Amino acid sequence: MMRRLIWLALLVLTAFPVRAADTDLAAAARTLAARGDQLIAAYDPTHGRATGDAFSDLYFDVFEESGLEQAIGVCSASDKTALEALFGEIIGLAGQGRPVPELQTKWSTLKALLEAATIAALEPPTGPFQAFLQSLLILLREGIEAMLVVTALVAWLRRSGQGDKVSVIWMGVGLAMVFSLVAAWLFDRVIHLSDAGQEVLEGVILLVAALVLFHVSFWLLSKREAAAWQAYVQGQVAGAAQSGRMWTLGLAAFLAVFREGAETVLFYQALALSSPGQGPALVGGFVVAAIALAVLYLAMRHLSLRLPLGLFFTATAGLLFVLAVSFAGKGVLELQEGRWLPITPLDGWPRLEWLGLFPTAEGLAAQALLLAPMLAALAWHAARRKRLPA
């Protein structure tokens, strides 16, 4: 099944039509910097909301519409996410009417990162090896989170004696790949959502994925003790509630793959556009990355089958929970960029892209909504274990 999915993705990715570039990215970066400088120079804290709206327009009308965001994302997903977060912080600070020096400092940080990221984006691969490496890194970085989710779910089914149900997971993965390709084509050629609409759609998908992964991780945590596990196995043997659990696991796999799928396709389209004549190298990078993900999947599955049951359940629940927290933070960021949620920056908080931790009150509140019940469950389990006879 894995081999068929790899070849399906490879076939469609390499056949995906590439349009000619119609935007000067260097000019777009200069326009963005100049307009941002003007907004900062004219900023009046008593009318901060207008400045925030203007920066929001700058983000959509120049940074996204020009293709600069996507070009930067091809080279560095972390730079792309950091720039998105910095735009959000500036919009939030302006909306709160914060002092001029705060906005100037934040804008200087954004502008410096934008300059460095644009230079990197304007240096396309100069040969087969560079094209191969960039293609390899795109799929690795975009696929690793989805691979972790799929591995955890497949390993759980095998450890629970339900290896015959693994096809549900792979069905979710296959559907997600097909939907991703269709969505990429529709958004690129047919359905022209506003930039804000695209951010909102991605944010909703991320939040739904966060809730599903949280549900699965919370459920796994409740089964980590031997007595609870044995009771569950007996219930499964009796045929209790298998179908309901299966569709949840399949949905988790679908969302984990779909959340990055369409963007990955568009990244490859942009890379192909900037690497004329390097088709074999791009295909080679994709194939090697797919093989690397498959090998990592097999290694993790092999390890998971040899872990003690309690440790396996705890580690799997922890992995899925961390991914749920990350998705929640990133989902809120997307909704903020789509103007569906307010932005309240928090001073002194770190920015950790891998954990979806961005210094806004709204993002941290969403993550706290997941963290609180998980901490309560851990405390309850710890207290329960103390009461059990030795």
Protein backbone atom coordinates (compact mmCIF):
# COMPACT_ATOMS: atom_id res chain seq x y z
CA MET A 1 0.00 0.00 0.00
CA MET A 2 2.78 2.45 0.90
CA ARG A 3 4.52 1.82 -2.41
CA ARG A 4 1.34 2.43 -4.40
CA LEU A 5 0.68 5.71 -2.58
CA ILE A 6 4.24 6.92 -3.21
CA TRP A 7 3.97 6.22 -6.93
CA LEU A 8 0.53 7.81 -7.15
CA ALA A 9 1.81 11.00 -5.57
CA LEU A 10 4.92 11.01 -7.74
CA LEU A 11 2.90 10.55 -10.92
CA VAL A 12 0.51 13.40 -10.22
CA LEU A 13 3.11 15.77 -8.77
CA THR A 14 5.32 15.48 -11.82
CA ALA A 15 2.31 15.88 -14.14
CA PHE A 16 0.91 18.91 -12.29
CA PRO A 17 0.91 21.82 -14.74
CA VAL A 18 3.31 24.66 -14.06
CA ARG A 19 2.36 28.17 -15.02
CA ALA A 20 4.77 30.84 -16.06
CA ALA A 21 5.90 33.31 -13.42
CA ASP A 22 4.13 36.64 -13.68
CA THR A 23 5.56 38.45 -10.64
CA ASP A 24 8.94 40.04 -9.91
CA LEU A 25 9.55 38.77 -6.38
CA ALA A 26 12.39 41.21 -5.74
CA ALA A 27 10.12 44.09 -6.72
CA ALA A 28 7.37 42.71 -4.49
CA ALA A 29 9.79 42.59 -1.54
CA ARG A 30 10.89 46.17 -2.17
CA THR A 31 7.26 47.31 -2.41
CA LEU A 32 6.40 45.55 0.81
CA ALA A 33 9.35 47.09 2.66
CA ALA A 34 8.66 50.59 1.34
CA ARG A 35 4.94 50.50 2.16
CA GLY A 36 5.68 49.08 5.59
CA ASP A 37 8.16 51.89 6.26
CA GLN A 38 5.51 54.42 5.29
CA LEU A 39 2.95 52.83 7.61
CA ILE A 40 5.36 52.83 10.53
CA ALA A 41 6.38 56.44 9.87
CA ALA A 42 2.73 57.53 9.80
CA TYR A 43 1.64 55.38 12.76
CA ASP A 44 -0.46 57.16 15.35
CA PRO A 45 -1.29 55.07 18.45
CA THR A 46 -4.64 56.82 18.76
CA HIS A 47 -5.64 55.43 15.36
CA GLY A 48 -3.79 52.15 15.62
CA ARG A 49 -6.57 49.98 14.26
CA ALA A 50 -6.30 51.69 10.87
CA THR A 51 -2.58 50.91 10.78
CA GLY A 52 -3.28 47.31 11.74
CA ASP A 53 -5.79 47.00 8.91
CA ALA A 54 -3.26 48.51 6.50
CA PHE A 55 -0.62 45.96 7.52
CA SER A 56 -3.19 43.21 7.08
CA ASP A 57 -3.87 44.47 3.55
CA LEU A 58 -0.12 44.60 2.93
CA TYR A 59 0.18 40.97 3.98
CA PHE A 60 -2.57 39.77 1.63
CA ASP A 61 -2.13 42.18 -1.29
CA VAL A 62 1.66 42.02 -1.55
CA PHE A 63 3.20 39.23 0.52
CA GLU A 64 0.69 36.55 -0.49
CA GLU A 65 -0.72 37.81 -3.79
CA SER A 66 2.73 38.31 -5.34
CA GLY A 67 3.73 34.71 -4.60
CA LEU A 68 6.54 35.90 -2.33
CA GLU A 69 5.18 33.94 0.63
CA GLN A 70 5.07 30.70 -1.37
CA ALA A 71 8.56 31.27 -2.81
CA ILE A 72 9.95 31.76 0.69
CA GLY A 73 8.06 28.69 1.88
CA VAL A 74 9.76 26.56 -0.79
CA CYS A 75 13.16 27.48 0.66
CA SER A 76 12.29 27.66 4.37
CA ALA A 77 8.98 26.79 5.98
CA SER A 78 10.21 28.20 9.29
CA ASP A 79 10.95 31.60 7.74
CA LYS A 80 7.51 31.63 6.12
CA THR A 81 5.81 30.85 9.43
CA ALA A 82 7.95 33.37 11.32
CA LEU A 83 7.03 36.13 8.85
CA GLU A 84 3.33 35.25 9.17
CA ALA A 85 3.61 35.45 12.96
CA LEU A 86 5.48 38.77 12.85
CA PHE A 87 2.82 40.29 10.61
CA GLY A 88 0.23 39.12 13.10
CA GLU A 89 2.12 40.64 16.03
CA ILE A 90 2.45 44.00 14.28
CA ILE A 91 -1.26 44.00 13.44
CA GLY A 92 -2.08 43.15 17.06
CA LEU A 93 0.27 45.77 18.54
CA ALA A 94 -1.13 48.46 16.24
CA GLY A 95 -4.69 47.49 17.08
CA GLN A 96 -3.87 47.91 20.78
CA GLY A 97 -2.39 51.34 20.14
CA ARG A 98 1.00 50.36 21.55
CA PRO A 99 3.86 52.90 21.56
CA VAL A 100 5.69 53.71 18.34
CA PRO A 101 9.05 52.16 19.41
CA GLU A 102 7.40 48.75 19.90
CA LEU A 103 6.08 48.70 16.35
CA GLN A 104 9.37 50.02 14.98
CA THR A 105 11.30 47.23 16.71
CA LYS A 106 8.91 44.53 15.49
CA TRP A 107 8.89 45.93 11.95
CA SER A 108 12.70 46.05 11.88
CA THR A 109 12.78 42.38 12.85
CA LEU A 110 10.26 41.49 10.16
CA LYS A 111 12.03 43.53 7.49
CA ALA A 112 15.43 41.97 8.25
CA LEU A 113 13.99 38.46 8.08
CA LEU A 114 12.09 39.33 4.89
CA GLU A 115 15.27 40.60 3.23
CA ALA A 116 17.25 37.48 4.10
CA ALA A 117 14.41 35.12 3.15
CA THR A 118 13.84 36.91 -0.17
CA ILE A 119 17.52 36.67 -1.09
CA ALA A 120 17.37 32.92 -0.44
CA ALA A 121 14.16 32.58 -2.46
CA LEU A 122 15.69 34.45 -5.41
CA GLU A 123 18.63 32.04 -5.59
CA PRO A 124 17.07 29.09 -7.45
CA PRO A 125 18.94 25.79 -7.72
CA THR A 126 21.87 26.21 -10.11
CA GLY A 127 22.38 22.54 -10.91
CA PRO A 128 20.95 19.05 -10.60
CA PHE A 129 22.29 18.46 -7.09
CA GLN A 130 20.82 21.69 -5.69
CA ALA A 131 17.45 20.94 -7.33
CA PHE A 132 17.58 17.38 -6.00
CA LEU A 133 18.36 18.58 -2.46
CA GLN A 134 15.63 21.20 -2.40
CA SER A 135 13.06 18.70 -3.69
CA LEU A 136 14.19 16.22 -1.05
CA LEU A 137 13.86 18.72 1.79
CA ILE A 138 10.39 19.90 0.77
CA LEU A 139 8.83 16.46 1.08
CA LEU A 140 10.79 15.57 4.23
CA ARG A 141 9.81 18.68 6.15
CA GLU A 142 6.21 18.66 4.97
CA GLY A 143 5.73 14.93 5.43
CA ILE A 144 7.36 14.24 8.77
CA GLU A 145 4.42 15.27 10.98
CA ALA A 146 1.93 13.28 8.92
CA MET A 147 4.27 10.29 8.98
CA LEU A 148 4.46 10.44 12.78
CA VAL A 149 0.68 10.44 13.08
CA VAL A 150 0.24 7.56 10.64
CA THR A 151 2.98 5.54 12.34
CA ALA A 152 1.43 5.99 15.76
CA LEU A 153 -2.03 4.96 14.56
CA VAL A 154 -0.79 1.92 12.62
CA ALA A 155 1.36 0.79 15.55
CA TRP A 156 -1.59 1.11 17.91
CA LEU A 157 -3.79 -1.08 15.72
CA ARG A 158 -1.10 -3.74 15.51
CA ARG A 159 -0.45 -3.66 19.26
CA SER A 160 -4.17 -4.01 19.91
CA GLY A 161 -4.43 -7.11 17.77
CA GLN A 162 -6.32 -5.30 15.01
CA GLY A 163 -3.72 -5.42 12.27
CA ASP A 164 -6.46 -6.30 9.79
CA LYS A 165 -7.91 -2.80 10.30
CA VAL A 166 -4.72 -0.99 9.21
CA SER A 167 -6.28 -0.53 5.77
CA VAL A 168 -8.57 2.11 7.35
CA ILE A 169 -5.52 4.25 8.10
CA TRP A 170 -4.10 3.84 4.61
CA MET A 171 -7.48 4.60 3.12
CA GLY A 172 -7.46 7.90 5.01
CA VAL A 173 -3.93 8.62 3.75
CA GLY A 174 -4.84 7.77 0.16
CA LEU A 175 -7.97 9.91 0.21
CA ALA A 176 -6.02 12.80 1.73
CA MET A 177 -3.45 12.63 -1.06
CA VAL A 178 -6.13 12.62 -3.73
CA PHE A 179 -8.05 15.44 -2.05
CA SER A 180 -4.83 17.43 -1.64
CA LEU A 181 -4.05 17.19 -5.34
CA VAL A 182 -7.60 18.09 -6.31
CA ALA A 183 -7.67 20.99 -3.84
CA ALA A 184 -4.34 22.33 -5.13
CA TRP A 185 -5.62 22.24 -8.71
CA LEU A 186 -8.96 23.83 -7.79
CA PHE A 187 -7.41 26.66 -5.77
CA ASP A 188 -4.78 27.27 -8.44
CA ARG A 189 -7.03 27.08 -11.50
CA VAL A 190 -10.74 27.19 -10.70
CA ILE A 191 -11.74 28.42 -7.25
CA HIS A 192 -10.16 31.77 -6.48
CA LEU A 193 -10.71 32.15 -2.77
CA SER A 194 -9.61 35.42 -1.27
CA ASP A 195 -6.27 35.20 0.49
CA ALA A 196 -8.09 35.62 3.80
CA GLY A 197 -10.46 32.82 2.83
CA GLN A 198 -7.56 30.46 2.20
CA GLU A 199 -6.08 31.26 5.60
CA VAL A 200 -9.43 30.61 7.28
CA LEU A 201 -9.87 27.30 5.47
CA GLU A 202 -6.42 26.12 6.52
CA GLY A 203 -7.04 27.30 10.08
CA VAL A 204 -10.29 25.35 10.34
CA ILE A 205 -8.61 22.19 9.01
CA LEU A 206 -5.81 22.57 11.55
CA LEU A 207 -8.19 23.05 14.47
CA VAL A 208 -10.32 20.06 13.47
CA ALA A 209 -7.13 17.98 13.18
CA ALA A 210 -6.05 19.20 16.62
CA LEU A 211 -9.36 18.12 18.17
CA VAL A 212 -9.27 14.68 16.54
CA LEU A 213 -5.66 14.06 17.58
CA PHE A 214 -6.44 15.25 21.10
CA HIS A 215 -9.37 12.86 21.27
CA VAL A 216 -7.22 9.93 20.16
CA SER A 217 -4.35 10.81 22.51
CA PHE A 218 -6.72 11.26 25.47
CA TRP A 219 -8.32 7.90 24.75
CA LEU A 220 -4.94 6.16 24.47
CA LEU A 221 -3.89 7.63 27.80
CA SER A 222 -6.93 6.09 29.47
CA LYS A 223 -5.88 2.62 28.22
CA ARG A 224 -2.23 2.69 29.25
CA GLU A 225 -2.70 0.66 32.40
CA ALA A 226 -2.80 -3.12 32.11
CA ALA A 227 -6.24 -3.58 33.67
CA ALA A 228 -7.85 -0.99 31.42
CA TRP A 229 -6.10 -2.49 28.42
CA GLN A 230 -7.26 -6.01 29.14
CA ALA A 231 -10.84 -4.80 29.56
CA TYR A 232 -10.60 -3.00 26.24
CA VAL A 233 -9.20 -6.05 24.44
CA GLN A 234 -12.01 -8.21 25.80
CA GLY A 235 -14.53 -5.66 24.57
CA GLN A 236 -12.93 -5.64 21.13
CA VAL A 237 -13.05 -9.42 20.96
CA ALA A 238 -16.75 -9.17 21.70
CA GLY A 239 -17.06 -6.73 18.79
CA ALA A 240 -17.85 -3.64 20.84
CA ALA A 241 -17.60 -0.18 19.24
CA GLN A 242 -14.99 -1.07 16.66
CA SER A 243 -16.56 0.85 13.79
CA GLY A 244 -16.78 4.10 15.74
CA ARG A 245 -13.12 3.92 16.71
CA MET A 246 -12.03 3.04 13.19
CA TRP A 247 -13.55 6.06 11.48
CA THR A 248 -11.93 8.33 14.09
CA LEU A 249 -8.51 6.85 13.39
CA GLY A 250 -9.05 7.08 9.63
CA LEU A 251 -10.11 10.72 10.00
CA ALA A 252 -7.01 11.48 12.05
CA ALA A 253 -4.79 10.02 9.32
CA PHE A 254 -6.73 11.91 6.61
CA LEU A 255 -6.42 15.29 8.35
CA ALA A 256 -2.74 14.81 9.20
CA VAL A 257 -1.89 14.25 5.53
CA PHE A 258 -4.40 16.69 4.03
CA ARG A 259 -3.32 19.66 6.16
CA GLU A 260 -0.02 19.89 4.27
CA GLY A 261 -0.86 18.08 1.06
CA ALA A 262 -2.16 20.86 -1.16
CA GLU A 263 0.56 23.26 -0.02
CA THR A 264 3.21 20.63 -0.76
CA VAL A 265 1.91 20.29 -4.31
CA LEU A 266 2.09 24.05 -4.83
CA PHE A 267 5.61 24.14 -3.35
CA TYR A 268 6.71 21.59 -5.94
CA GLN A 269 5.03 23.63 -8.64
CA ALA A 270 6.98 26.71 -7.55
CA LEU A 271 10.22 24.73 -7.35
CA ALA A 272 9.69 23.34 -10.84
CA LEU A 273 9.07 26.87 -12.11
CA SER A 274 12.36 28.09 -10.63
CA SER A 275 14.34 25.05 -11.83
CA PRO A 276 13.83 24.75 -15.60
CA GLY A 277 15.35 21.64 -17.12
CA GLN A 278 15.86 19.97 -13.74
CA GLY A 279 12.86 17.62 -13.90
CA PRO A 280 14.84 14.39 -13.33
CA ALA A 281 16.61 15.91 -10.31
CA LEU A 282 13.30 17.07 -8.81
CA VAL A 283 11.76 13.64 -9.33
CA GLY A 284 14.82 12.01 -7.83
CA GLY A 285 14.65 14.20 -4.72
CA PHE A 286 10.98 13.41 -4.30
CA VAL A 287 11.55 9.66 -4.64
CA VAL A 288 14.48 9.62 -2.18
CA ALA A 289 12.48 11.66 0.36
CA ALA A 290 9.50 9.31 0.00
CA ILE A 291 11.78 6.31 0.54
CA ALA A 292 13.36 8.00 3.57
CA LEU A 293 9.93 8.61 5.10
CA ALA A 294 8.95 5.00 4.42
CA VAL A 295 12.15 3.70 6.04
CA LEU A 296 11.61 5.93 9.06
CA TYR A 297 8.03 4.70 9.27
CA LEU A 298 9.14 1.06 9.22
CA ALA A 299 11.86 1.68 11.81
CA MET A 300 9.44 3.42 14.17
CA ARG A 301 6.83 0.71 13.69
CA HIS A 302 9.43 -1.97 14.42
CA LEU A 303 10.49 -0.15 17.59
CA SER A 304 6.91 0.41 18.74
CA LEU A 305 6.16 -3.32 18.60
CA ARG A 306 8.98 -3.98 21.06
CA LEU A 307 8.27 -1.29 23.64
CA PRO A 308 6.59 -2.32 26.92
CA LEU A 309 2.85 -1.82 26.59
CA GLY A 310 2.57 0.97 29.18
CA LEU A 311 5.51 2.87 27.72
CA PHE A 312 4.16 2.43 24.19
CA PHE A 313 0.75 3.85 25.11
CA THR A 314 2.27 6.76 27.03
CA ALA A 315 4.72 7.62 24.23
CA THR A 316 2.04 7.36 21.52
CA ALA A 317 -0.43 9.46 23.48
CA GLY A 318 2.28 12.02 24.19
CA LEU A 319 3.32 12.26 20.54
CA LEU A 320 -0.24 12.75 19.30
CA PHE A 321 -0.94 15.28 22.05
CA VAL A 322 2.12 17.38 21.17
CA LEU A 323 1.02 17.38 17.53
CA ALA A 324 -2.51 18.38 18.60
CA VAL A 325 -1.12 21.32 20.59
CA SER A 326 1.03 22.35 17.63
CA PHE A 327 -1.91 22.16 15.22
CA ALA A 328 -4.07 24.21 17.59
CA GLY A 329 -1.53 27.02 17.79
CA LYS A 330 -0.98 27.08 14.04
CA GLY A 331 -4.72 26.94 13.38
CA VAL A 332 -5.33 29.99 15.55
CA LEU A 333 -2.52 31.82 13.73
CA GLU A 334 -4.19 31.10 10.38
CA LEU A 335 -7.58 32.33 11.64
CA GLN A 336 -5.93 35.48 12.96
CA GLU A 337 -4.34 36.11 9.57
CA GLY A 338 -7.75 35.51 7.98
CA ARG A 339 -9.22 38.19 10.29
CA TRP A 340 -11.53 35.74 12.03
CA LEU A 341 -9.84 36.10 15.40
CA PRO A 342 -8.35 39.12 17.17
CA ILE A 343 -4.61 39.35 17.83
CA THR A 344 -3.41 40.13 21.36
CA PRO A 345 0.41 39.98 21.46
CA LEU A 346 2.10 38.90 24.70
CA ASP A 347 5.45 40.37 25.70
CA GLY A 348 8.24 38.07 26.81
CA TRP A 349 6.81 34.84 25.43
CA PRO A 350 8.97 32.71 23.13
CA ARG A 351 8.06 31.80 19.57
CA LEU A 352 8.40 28.07 18.91
CA GLU A 353 7.13 27.24 15.43
CA TRP A 354 7.50 23.47 15.85
CA LEU A 355 5.15 23.57 18.84
CA GLY A 356 2.75 26.08 17.27
CA LEU A 357 3.64 28.49 20.09
CA PHE A 358 3.22 32.08 19.01
CA PRO A 359 3.11 34.93 21.54
CA THR A 360 -0.58 35.82 21.37
CA ALA A 361 -3.23 35.38 24.02
CA GLU A 362 -5.62 33.68 21.62
CA GLY A 363 -3.13 31.02 20.51
CA LEU A 364 -2.04 30.22 24.05
CA ALA A 365 -5.68 30.05 25.19
CA ALA A 366 -6.47 27.45 22.51
CA GLN A 367 -3.47 25.36 23.55
CA ALA A 368 -4.40 25.73 27.23
CA LEU A 369 -7.86 24.33 26.44
CA LEU A 370 -6.11 21.13 25.37
CA LEU A 371 -3.50 21.16 28.10
CA ALA A 372 -5.85 21.59 31.06
CA PRO A 373 -7.90 18.36 30.63
CA MET A 374 -4.76 16.38 29.79
CA LEU A 375 -3.04 17.55 32.99
CA ALA A 376 -6.19 16.75 34.95
CA ALA A 377 -6.29 13.25 33.44
CA LEU A 378 -2.63 12.66 34.28
CA ALA A 379 -3.21 13.82 37.86
CA TRP A 380 -6.25 11.54 38.17
CA HIS A 381 -4.32 8.54 36.85
CA ALA A 382 -1.42 9.25 39.23
CA ALA A 383 -3.76 9.47 42.22
CA ARG A 384 -5.57 6.30 41.13
CA ARG A 385 -2.34 4.34 40.86
CA LYS A 386 -1.37 5.37 44.39
CA ARG A 387 -4.65 3.99 45.70
CA LEU A 388 -4.21 0.62 43.97
CA PRO A 389 -2.70 -2.17 46.08
CA ALA A 390 0.97 -2.85 45.42
